Amino acid sequence: MKYHRRRFLLIGAAGVIVFSVAQLIVRNFYIMASVELAAVSAGSDSLRSTRQALISRIAVLEAPGRLREIGSELELIPLPLENFVLLEAGE
């Protein structure tokens, strides 16, 4: 009887140790994933702000006033209306 009790306690202790090691492994993966998520999130925020800055810069460069200013610096003038032809689309 004593032998069975000792064997049962050893099996129980081994089970607890295996369960504890499994918990440590899962927690380690969880922490690694959290760190990786934080890094990816920071990179995403950086890219988002860069994209917004580029969109703002495009808006400034394509503004009619800016284009008019560049045209006058290059001494460009609008084409006369006679150079345009109006075509009707046939059905």
PDB file of N, CA and C in Angstrom:
ATOM      1  N   MET A   1       0.820  -1.188   0.000  1.00  0.00           N
ATOM      2  CA  MET A   1       0.000   0.000   0.000  1.00  0.00           C
ATOM      3  C   MET A   1       0.867   1.256   0.000  1.00  0.00           C
ATOM      4  N   LYS A   2       1.942   1.202   0.789  1.00  0.00           N
ATOM      5  CA  LYS A   2       2.834   2.335   0.870  1.00  0.00           C
ATOM      6  C   LYS A   2       3.473   2.618  -0.496  1.00  0.00           C
ATOM      7  N   TYR A   3       3.781   1.557  -1.224  1.00  0.00           N
ATOM      8  CA  TYR A   3       4.394   1.673  -2.539  1.00  0.00           C
ATOM      9  C   TYR A   3       3.461   2.393  -3.523  1.00  0.00           C
ATOM     10  N   HIS A   4       2.182   2.045  -3.477  1.00  0.00           N
ATOM     11  CA  HIS A   4       1.206   2.665  -4.383  1.00  0.00           C
ATOM     12  C   HIS A   4       1.013   4.157  -4.060  1.00  0.00           C
ATOM     13  N   ARG A   5       1.015   4.469  -2.771  1.00  0.00           N
ATOM     14  CA  ARG A   5       0.854   5.865  -2.390  1.00  0.00           C
ATOM     15  C   ARG A   5       2.044   6.706  -2.872  1.00  0.00           C
ATOM     16  N   ARG A   6       3.251   6.168  -2.695  1.00  0.00           N
ATOM     17  CA  ARG A   6       4.441   6.884  -3.140  1.00  0.00           C
ATOM     18  C   ARG A   6       4.438   7.046  -4.663  1.00  0.00           C
ATOM     19  N   ARG A   7       4.047   6.000  -5.348  1.00  0.00           N
ATOM     20  CA  ARG A   7       3.979   6.066  -6.820  1.00  0.00           C
ATOM     21  C   ARG A   7       2.935   7.092  -7.266  1.00  0.00           C
ATOM     22  N   PHE A   8       1.808   7.093  -6.595  1.00  0.00           N
ATOM     23  CA  PHE A   8       0.753   8.075  -6.926  1.00  0.00           C
ATOM     24  C   PHE A   8       1.249   9.495  -6.689  1.00  0.00           C
ATOM     25  N   LEU A   9       1.962   9.726  -5.580  1.00  0.00           N
ATOM     26  CA  LEU A   9       2.495  11.062  -5.291  1.00  0.00           C
ATOM     27  C   LEU A   9       3.553  11.474  -6.311  1.00  0.00           C
ATOM     28  N   LEU A  10       4.401  10.549  -6.745  1.00  0.00           N
ATOM     29  CA  LEU A  10       5.412  10.855  -7.761  1.00  0.00           C
ATOM     30  C   LEU A  10       4.765  11.194  -9.103  1.00  0.00           C
ATOM     31  N   ILE A  11       3.741  10.459  -9.473  1.00  0.00           N
ATOM     32  CA  ILE A  11       3.033  10.742 -10.724  1.00  0.00           C
ATOM     33  C   ILE A  11       2.340  12.093 -10.638  1.00  0.00           C
ATOM     34  N   GLY A  12       1.739  12.373  -9.494  1.00  0.00           N
ATOM     35  CA  GLY A  12       1.098  13.674  -9.292  1.00  0.00           C
ATOM     36  C   GLY A  12       2.103  14.812  -9.346  1.00  0.00           C
ATOM     37  N   ALA A  13       3.253  14.641  -8.703  1.00  0.00           N
ATOM     38  CA  ALA A  13       4.294  15.674  -8.709  1.00  0.00           C
ATOM     39  C   ALA A  13       4.817  15.881 -10.128  1.00  0.00           C
ATOM     40  N   ALA A  14       5.022  14.798 -10.860  1.00  0.00           N
ATOM     41  CA  ALA A  14       5.492  14.912 -12.247  1.00  0.00           C
ATOM     42  C   ALA A  14       4.451  15.638 -13.090  1.00  0.00           C
ATOM     43  N   GLY A  15       3.188  15.359 -12.860  1.00  0.00           N
ATOM     44  CA  GLY A  15       2.117  16.042 -13.587  1.00  0.00           C
ATOM     45  C   GLY A  15       2.104  17.536 -13.308  1.00  0.00           C
ATOM     46  N   VAL A  16       2.283  17.900 -12.033  1.00  0.00           N
ATOM     47  CA  VAL A  16       2.314  19.315 -11.661  1.00  0.00           C
ATOM     48  C   VAL A  16       3.509  19.998 -12.299  1.00  0.00           C
ATOM     49  N   ILE A  17       4.672  19.326 -12.310  1.00  0.00           N
ATOM     50  CA  ILE A  17       5.868  19.910 -12.923  1.00  0.00           C
ATOM     51  C   ILE A  17       5.668  20.091 -14.424  1.00  0.00           C
ATOM     52  N   VAL A  18       5.116  19.091 -15.088  1.00  0.00           N
ATOM     53  CA  VAL A  18       4.870  19.194 -16.534  1.00  0.00           C
ATOM     54  C   VAL A  18       3.880  20.319 -16.815  1.00  0.00           C
ATOM     55  N   PHE A  19       2.838  20.405 -16.010  1.00  0.00           N
ATOM     56  CA  PHE A  19       1.855  21.477 -16.198  1.00  0.00           C
ATOM     57  C   PHE A  19       2.501  22.851 -15.985  1.00  0.00           C
ATOM     58  N   SER A  20       3.362  22.980 -14.985  1.00  0.00           N
ATOM     59  CA  SER A  20       4.034  24.257 -14.714  1.00  0.00           C
ATOM     60  C   SER A  20       4.965  24.639 -15.862  1.00  0.00           C
ATOM     61  N   VAL A  21       5.696  23.678 -16.388  1.00  0.00           N
ATOM     62  CA  VAL A  21       6.592  23.954 -17.511  1.00  0.00           C
ATOM     63  C   VAL A  21       5.771  24.368 -18.734  1.00  0.00           C
ATOM     64  N   ALA A  22       4.659  23.711 -18.964  1.00  0.00           N
ATOM     65  CA  ALA A  22       3.797  24.078 -20.097  1.00  0.00           C
ATOM     66  C   ALA A  22       3.272  25.503 -19.923  1.00  0.00           C
ATOM     67  N   GLN A  23       2.899  25.872 -18.710  1.00  0.00           N
ATOM     68  CA  GLN A  23       2.441  27.237 -18.462  1.00  0.00           C
ATOM     69  C   GLN A  23       3.548  28.254 -18.717  1.00  0.00           C
ATOM     70  N   LEU A  24       4.762  27.936 -18.298  1.00  0.00           N
ATOM     71  CA  LEU A  24       5.887  28.839 -18.549  1.00  0.00           C
ATOM     72  C   LEU A  24       6.151  29.008 -20.035  1.00  0.00           C
ATOM     73  N   ILE A  25       6.051  27.934 -20.793  1.00  0.00           N
ATOM     74  CA  ILE A  25       6.267  28.006 -22.246  1.00  0.00           C
ATOM     75  C   ILE A  25       5.189  28.869 -22.898  1.00  0.00           C
ATOM     76  N   VAL A  26       3.945  28.659 -22.520  1.00  0.00           N
ATOM     77  CA  VAL A  26       2.849  29.444 -23.092  1.00  0.00           C
ATOM     78  C   VAL A  26       3.003  30.912 -22.715  1.00  0.00           C
ATOM     79  N   ARG A  27       3.371  31.189 -21.478  1.00  0.00           N
ATOM     80  CA  ARG A  27       3.566  32.585 -21.051  1.00  0.00           C
ATOM     81  C   ARG A  27       4.717  33.241 -21.806  1.00  0.00           C
ATOM     82  N   ASN A  28       5.786  32.479 -22.052  1.00  0.00           N
ATOM     83  CA  ASN A  28       6.910  32.998 -22.812  1.00  0.00           C
ATOM     84  C   ASN A  28       6.477  33.363 -24.236  1.00  0.00           C
ATOM     85  N   PHE A  29       5.706  32.513 -24.882  1.00  0.00           N
ATOM     86  CA  PHE A  29       5.192  32.822 -26.219  1.00  0.00           C
ATOM     87  C   PHE A  29       4.281  34.051 -26.186  1.00  0.00           C
ATOM     88  N   TYR A  30       3.479  34.165 -25.148  1.00  0.00           N
ATOM     89  CA  TYR A  30       2.588  35.314 -25.006  1.00  0.00           C
ATOM     90  C   TYR A  30       3.383  36.609 -24.876  1.00  0.00           C
ATOM     91  N   ILE A  31       4.438  36.589 -24.072  1.00  0.00           N
ATOM     92  CA  ILE A  31       5.261  37.786 -23.882  1.00  0.00           C
ATOM     93  C   ILE A  31       5.986  38.143 -25.176  1.00  0.00           C
ATOM     94  N   MET A  32       6.529  37.143 -25.877  1.00  0.00           N
ATOM     95  CA  MET A  32       7.210  37.402 -27.143  1.00  0.00           C
ATOM     96  C   MET A  32       6.244  37.990 -28.169  1.00  0.00           C
ATOM     97  N   ALA A  33       5.032  37.471 -28.230  1.00  0.00           N
ATOM     98  CA  ALA A  33       4.033  37.990 -29.166  1.00  0.00           C
ATOM     99  C   ALA A  33       3.634  39.420 -28.796  1.00  0.00           C
ATOM    100  N   SER A  34       3.544  39.718 -27.512  1.00  0.00           N
ATOM    101  CA  SER A  34       3.201  41.074 -27.078  1.00  0.00           C
ATOM    102  C   SER A  34       4.286  42.075 -27.465  1.00  0.00           C
ATOM    103  N   VAL A  35       5.549  41.682 -27.306  1.00  0.00           N
ATOM    104  CA  VAL A  35       6.658  42.555 -27.681  1.00  0.00           C
ATOM    105  C   VAL A  35       6.663  42.782 -29.187  1.00  0.00           C
ATOM    106  N   GLU A  36       6.447  41.721 -29.945  1.00  0.00           N
ATOM    107  CA  GLU A  36       6.403  41.841 -31.409  1.00  0.00           C
ATOM    108  C   GLU A  36       5.232  42.713 -31.856  1.00  0.00           C
ATOM    109  N   LEU A  37       4.088  42.566 -31.218  1.00  0.00           N
ATOM    110  CA  LEU A  37       2.931  43.394 -31.540  1.00  0.00           C
ATOM    111  C   LEU A  37       3.214  44.869 -31.258  1.00  0.00           C
ATOM    112  N   ALA A  38       3.888  45.160 -30.163  1.00  0.00           N
ATOM    113  CA  ALA A  38       4.227  46.547 -29.835  1.00  0.00           C
ATOM    114  C   ALA A  38       5.153  47.138 -30.890  1.00  0.00           C
ATOM    115  N   ALA A  39       6.122  46.359 -31.355  1.00  0.00           N
ATOM    116  CA  ALA A  39       7.053  46.848 -32.377  1.00  0.00           C
ATOM    117  C   ALA A  39       6.326  47.092 -33.692  1.00  0.00           C
ATOM    118  N   VAL A  40       5.471  46.178 -34.087  1.00  0.00           N
ATOM    119  CA  VAL A  40       4.716  46.333 -35.335  1.00  0.00           C
ATOM    120  C   VAL A  40       3.753  47.517 -35.228  1.00  0.00           C
ATOM    121  N   SER A  41       3.147  47.693 -34.086  1.00  0.00           N
ATOM    122  CA  SER A  41       2.232  48.812 -33.877  1.00  0.00           C
ATOM    123  C   SER A  41       2.969  50.145 -33.973  1.00  0.00           C
ATOM    124  N   ALA A  42       4.165  50.217 -33.405  1.00  0.00           N
ATOM    125  CA  ALA A  42       4.960  51.450 -33.493  1.00  0.00           C
ATOM    126  C   ALA A  42       5.344  51.733 -34.940  1.00  0.00           C
ATOM    127  N   GLY A  43       5.735  50.696 -35.677  1.00  0.00           N
ATOM    128  CA  GLY A  43       6.064  50.867 -37.088  1.00  0.00           C
ATOM    129  C   GLY A  43       4.857  51.307 -37.896  1.00  0.00           C
ATOM    130  N   SER A  44       3.711  50.758 -37.585  1.00  0.00           N
ATOM    131  CA  SER A  44       2.473  51.129 -38.274  1.00  0.00           C
ATOM    132  C   SER A  44       2.118  52.594 -38.013  1.00  0.00           C
ATOM    133  N   ASP A  45       2.260  53.023 -36.767  1.00  0.00           N
ATOM    134  CA  ASP A  45       1.990  54.432 -36.440  1.00  0.00           C
ATOM    135  C   ASP A  45       2.941  55.360 -37.183  1.00  0.00           C
ATOM    136  N   SER A  46       4.203  54.966 -37.260  1.00  0.00           N
ATOM    137  CA  SER A  46       5.191  55.775 -37.974  1.00  0.00           C
ATOM    138  C   SER A  46       4.839  55.877 -39.457  1.00  0.00           C
ATOM    139  N   LEU A  47       4.476  54.749 -40.052  1.00  0.00           N
ATOM    140  CA  LEU A  47       4.096  54.759 -41.474  1.00  0.00           C
ATOM    141  C   LEU A  47       2.826  55.569 -41.707  1.00  0.00           C
ATOM    142  N   ARG A  48       1.889  55.491 -40.780  1.00  0.00           N
ATOM    143  CA  ARG A  48       0.650  56.245 -40.915  1.00  0.00           C
ATOM    144  C   ARG A  48       0.914  57.750 -40.890  1.00  0.00           C
ATOM    145  N   SER A  49       1.795  58.189 -39.987  1.00  0.00           N
ATOM    146  CA  SER A  49       2.103  59.622 -39.911  1.00  0.00           C
ATOM    147  C   SER A  49       2.895  60.073 -41.142  1.00  0.00           C
ATOM    148  N   THR A  50       3.782  59.222 -41.653  1.00  0.00           N
ATOM    149  CA  THR A  50       4.520  59.554 -42.876  1.00  0.00           C
ATOM    150  C   THR A  50       3.571  59.671 -44.054  1.00  0.00           C
ATOM    151  N   ARG A  51       2.617  58.766 -44.137  1.00  0.00           N
ATOM    152  CA  ARG A  51       1.636  58.808 -45.225  1.00  0.00           C
ATOM    153  C   ARG A  51       0.810  60.088 -45.158  1.00  0.00           C
ATOM    154  N   GLN A  52       0.397  60.470 -43.959  1.00  0.00           N
ATOM    155  CA  GLN A  52      -0.393  61.690 -43.801  1.00  0.00           C
ATOM    156  C   GLN A  52       0.426  62.918 -44.189  1.00  0.00           C
ATOM    157  N   ALA A  53       1.706  62.935 -43.824  1.00  0.00           N
ATOM    158  CA  ALA A  53       2.576  64.059 -44.196  1.00  0.00           C
ATOM    159  C   ALA A  53       2.736  64.134 -45.715  1.00  0.00           C
ATOM    160  N   LEU A  54       2.857  62.979 -46.362  1.00  0.00           N
ATOM    161  CA  LEU A  54       2.999  62.967 -47.826  1.00  0.00           C
ATOM    162  C   LEU A  54       1.713  63.417 -48.515  1.00  0.00           C
ATOM    163  N   ILE A  55       0.567  63.028 -47.986  1.00  0.00           N
ATOM    164  CA  ILE A  55      -0.710  63.470 -48.558  1.00  0.00           C
ATOM    165  C   ILE A  55      -0.840  64.984 -48.429  1.00  0.00           C
ATOM    166  N   SER A  56      -0.433  65.526 -47.288  1.00  0.00           N
ATOM    167  CA  SER A  56      -0.479  66.982 -47.102  1.00  0.00           C
ATOM    168  C   SER A  56       0.465  67.678 -48.075  1.00  0.00           C
ATOM    169  N   ARG A  57       1.642  67.110 -48.271  1.00  0.00           N
ATOM    170  CA  ARG A  57       2.620  67.704 -49.201  1.00  0.00           C
ATOM    171  C   ARG A  57       2.084  67.672 -50.635  1.00  0.00           C
ATOM    172  N   ILE A  58       1.442  66.586 -51.026  1.00  0.00           N
ATOM    173  CA  ILE A  58       0.845  66.499 -52.365  1.00  0.00           C
ATOM    174  C   ILE A  58      -0.227  67.569 -52.535  1.00  0.00           C
ATOM    175  N   ALA A  59      -1.052  67.757 -51.513  1.00  0.00           N
ATOM    176  CA  ALA A  59      -2.106  68.774 -51.579  1.00  0.00           C
ATOM    177  C   ALA A  59      -1.506  70.163 -51.765  1.00  0.00           C
ATOM    178  N   VAL A  60      -0.405  70.438 -51.096  1.00  0.00           N
ATOM    179  CA  VAL A  60       0.243  71.748 -51.238  1.00  0.00           C
ATOM    180  C   VAL A  60       0.797  71.907 -52.651  1.00  0.00           C
ATOM    181  N   LEU A  61       1.444  70.848 -53.154  1.00  0.00           N
ATOM    182  CA  LEU A  61       2.067  70.938 -54.475  1.00  0.00           C
ATOM    183  C   LEU A  61       1.041  71.022 -55.601  1.00  0.00           C
ATOM    184  N   GLU A  62      -0.123  70.421 -55.422  1.00  0.00           N
ATOM    185  CA  GLU A  62      -1.143  70.423 -56.472  1.00  0.00           C
ATOM    186  C   GLU A  62      -2.140  71.571 -56.322  1.00  0.00           C
ATOM    187  N   ALA A  63      -1.951  72.435 -55.365  1.00  0.00           N
ATOM    188  CA  ALA A  63      -2.877  73.548 -55.155  1.00  0.00           C
ATOM    189  C   ALA A  63      -2.845  74.481 -56.370  1.00  0.00           C
ATOM    190  N   PRO A  64      -4.014  74.977 -56.817  1.00  0.00           N
ATOM    191  CA  PRO A  64      -4.052  75.855 -57.988  1.00  0.00           C
ATOM    192  C   PRO A  64      -3.158  77.080 -57.847  1.00  0.00           C
ATOM    193  N   GLY A  65      -3.110  77.675 -56.685  1.00  0.00           N
ATOM    194  CA  GLY A  65      -2.253  78.842 -56.472  1.00  0.00           C
ATOM    195  C   GLY A  65      -0.786  78.501 -56.677  1.00  0.00           C
ATOM    196  N   ARG A  66      -0.393  77.354 -56.179  1.00  0.00           N
ATOM    197  CA  ARG A  66       0.995  76.907 -56.336  1.00  0.00           C
ATOM    198  C   ARG A  66       1.308  76.663 -57.809  1.00  0.00           C
ATOM    199  N   LEU A  67       0.410  76.007 -58.526  1.00  0.00           N
ATOM    200  CA  LEU A  67       0.625  75.753 -59.952  1.00  0.00           C
ATOM    201  C   LEU A  67       0.688  77.059 -60.740  1.00  0.00           C
ATOM    202  N   ARG A  68      -0.167  78.011 -60.391  1.00  0.00           N
ATOM    203  CA  ARG A  68      -0.156  79.319 -61.053  1.00  0.00           C
ATOM    204  C   ARG A  68       1.179  80.030 -60.801  1.00  0.00           C
ATOM    205  N   GLU A  69       1.664  79.941 -59.566  1.00  0.00           N
ATOM    206  CA  GLU A  69       2.932  80.562 -59.201  1.00  0.00           C
ATOM    207  C   GLU A  69       4.099  79.952 -59.992  1.00  0.00           C
ATOM    208  N   ILE A  70       4.113  78.639 -60.090  1.00  0.00           N
ATOM    209  CA  ILE A  70       5.175  77.969 -60.843  1.00  0.00           C
ATOM    210  C   ILE A  70       5.081  78.318 -62.324  1.00  0.00           C
ATOM    211  N   GLY A  71       3.853  78.360 -62.859  1.00  0.00           N
ATOM    212  CA  GLY A  71       3.659  78.733 -64.255  1.00  0.00           C
ATOM    213  C   GLY A  71       4.157  80.133 -64.549  1.00  0.00           C
ATOM    214  N   SER A  72       3.894  81.054 -63.645  1.00  0.00           N
ATOM    215  CA  SER A  72       4.359  82.425 -63.878  1.00  0.00           C
ATOM    216  C   SER A  72       5.881  82.510 -63.767  1.00  0.00           C
ATOM    217  N   GLU A  73       6.488  81.721 -62.893  1.00  0.00           N
ATOM    218  CA  GLU A  73       7.949  81.699 -62.797  1.00  0.00           C
ATOM    219  C   GLU A  73       8.579  81.145 -64.074  1.00  0.00           C
ATOM    220  N   LEU A  74       7.903  80.178 -64.698  1.00  0.00           N
ATOM    221  CA  LEU A  74       8.398  79.591 -65.942  1.00  0.00           C
ATOM    222  C   LEU A  74       7.923  80.358 -67.170  1.00  0.00           C
ATOM    223  N   GLU A  75       7.200  81.443 -66.936  1.00  0.00           N
ATOM    224  CA  GLU A  75       6.646  82.288 -68.003  1.00  0.00           C
ATOM    225  C   GLU A  75       5.724  81.498 -68.934  1.00  0.00           C
ATOM    226  N   LEU A  76       4.922  80.656 -68.335  1.00  0.00           N
ATOM    227  CA  LEU A  76       3.919  79.910 -69.095  1.00  0.00           C
ATOM    228  C   LEU A  76       2.628  80.713 -69.115  1.00  0.00           C
ATOM    229  N   ILE A  77       1.908  80.643 -70.242  1.00  0.00           N
ATOM    230  CA  ILE A  77       0.632  81.335 -70.346  1.00  0.00           C
ATOM    231  C   ILE A  77      -0.420  80.313 -70.751  1.00  0.00           C
ATOM    232  N   PRO A  78      -1.669  80.546 -70.414  1.00  0.00           N
ATOM    233  CA  PRO A  78      -2.714  79.613 -70.816  1.00  0.00           C
ATOM    234  C   PRO A  78      -2.882  79.630 -72.342  1.00  0.00           C
ATOM    235  N   LEU A  79      -3.265  78.494 -72.888  1.00  0.00           N
ATOM    236  CA  LEU A  79      -3.517  78.414 -74.324  1.00  0.00           C
ATOM    237  C   LEU A  79      -4.774  79.194 -74.671  1.00  0.00           C
ATOM    238  N   PRO A  80      -4.804  79.821 -75.851  1.00  0.00           N
ATOM    239  CA  PRO A  80      -6.031  80.498 -76.266  1.00  0.00           C
ATOM    240  C   PRO A  80      -7.135  79.482 -76.545  1.00  0.00           C
ATOM    241  N   LEU A  81      -8.370  79.934 -76.432  1.00  0.00           N
ATOM    242  CA  LEU A  81      -9.510  79.042 -76.649  1.00  0.00           C
ATOM    243  C   LEU A  81      -9.545  78.481 -78.055  1.00  0.00           C
ATOM    244  N   GLU A  82      -8.960  79.159 -79.026  1.00  0.00           N
ATOM    245  CA  GLU A  82      -8.979  78.669 -80.407  1.00  0.00           C
ATOM    246  C   GLU A  82      -8.203  77.367 -80.557  1.00  0.00           C
ATOM    247  N   ASN A  83      -7.328  77.053 -79.631  1.00  0.00           N
ATOM    248  CA  ASN A  83      -6.542  75.826 -79.713  1.00  0.00           C
ATOM    249  C   ASN A  83      -7.318  74.609 -79.222  1.00  0.00           C
ATOM    250  N   PHE A  84      -8.470  74.831 -78.641  1.00  0.00           N
ATOM    251  CA  PHE A  84      -9.277  73.730 -78.138  1.00  0.00           C
ATOM    252  C   PHE A  84     -10.388  73.421 -79.116  1.00  0.00           C
ATOM    253  N   VAL A  85     -10.656  72.135 -79.326  1.00  0.00           N
ATOM    254  CA  VAL A  85     -11.715  71.694 -80.216  1.00  0.00           C
ATOM    255  C   VAL A  85     -12.701  70.886 -79.376  1.00  0.00           C
ATOM    256  N   LEU A  86     -13.974  71.177 -79.534  1.00  0.00           N
ATOM    257  CA  LEU A  86     -15.008  70.468 -78.811  1.00  0.00           C
ATOM    258  C   LEU A  86     -15.547  69.366 -79.707  1.00  0.00           C
ATOM    259  N   LEU A  87     -15.485  68.144 -79.274  1.00  0.00           N
ATOM    260  CA  LEU A  87     -15.966  67.011 -80.056  1.00  0.00           C
ATOM    261  C   LEU A  87     -17.210  66.451 -79.394  1.00  0.00           C
ATOM    262  N   GLU A  88     -18.145  66.049 -80.213  1.00  0.00           N
ATOM    263  CA  GLU A  88     -19.340  65.397 -79.692  1.00  0.00           C
ATOM    264  C   GLU A  88     -19.179  63.903 -79.862  1.00  0.00           C
ATOM    265  N   ALA A  89     -19.535  63.198 -78.840  1.00  0.00           N
ATOM    266  CA  ALA A  89     -19.448  61.746 -78.899  1.00  0.00           C
ATOM    267  C   ALA A  89     -20.660  61.193 -79.602  1.00  0.00           C
ATOM    268  N   GLY A  90     -20.429  60.396 -80.629  1.00  0.00           N
ATOM    269  CA  GLY A  90     -21.552  59.782 -81.373  1.00  0.00           C
ATOM    270  C   GLY A  90     -21.989  58.495 -80.722  1.00  0.00           C
ATOM    271  N   GLU A  91     -23.271  58.230 -80.790  1.00  0.00           N
ATOM    272  CA  GLU A  91     -23.786  57.011 -80.173  1.00  0.00           C
ATOM    273  C   GLU A  91     -23.928  55.924 -81.170  1.00  0.00           C
TER     274      GLU A  91
END
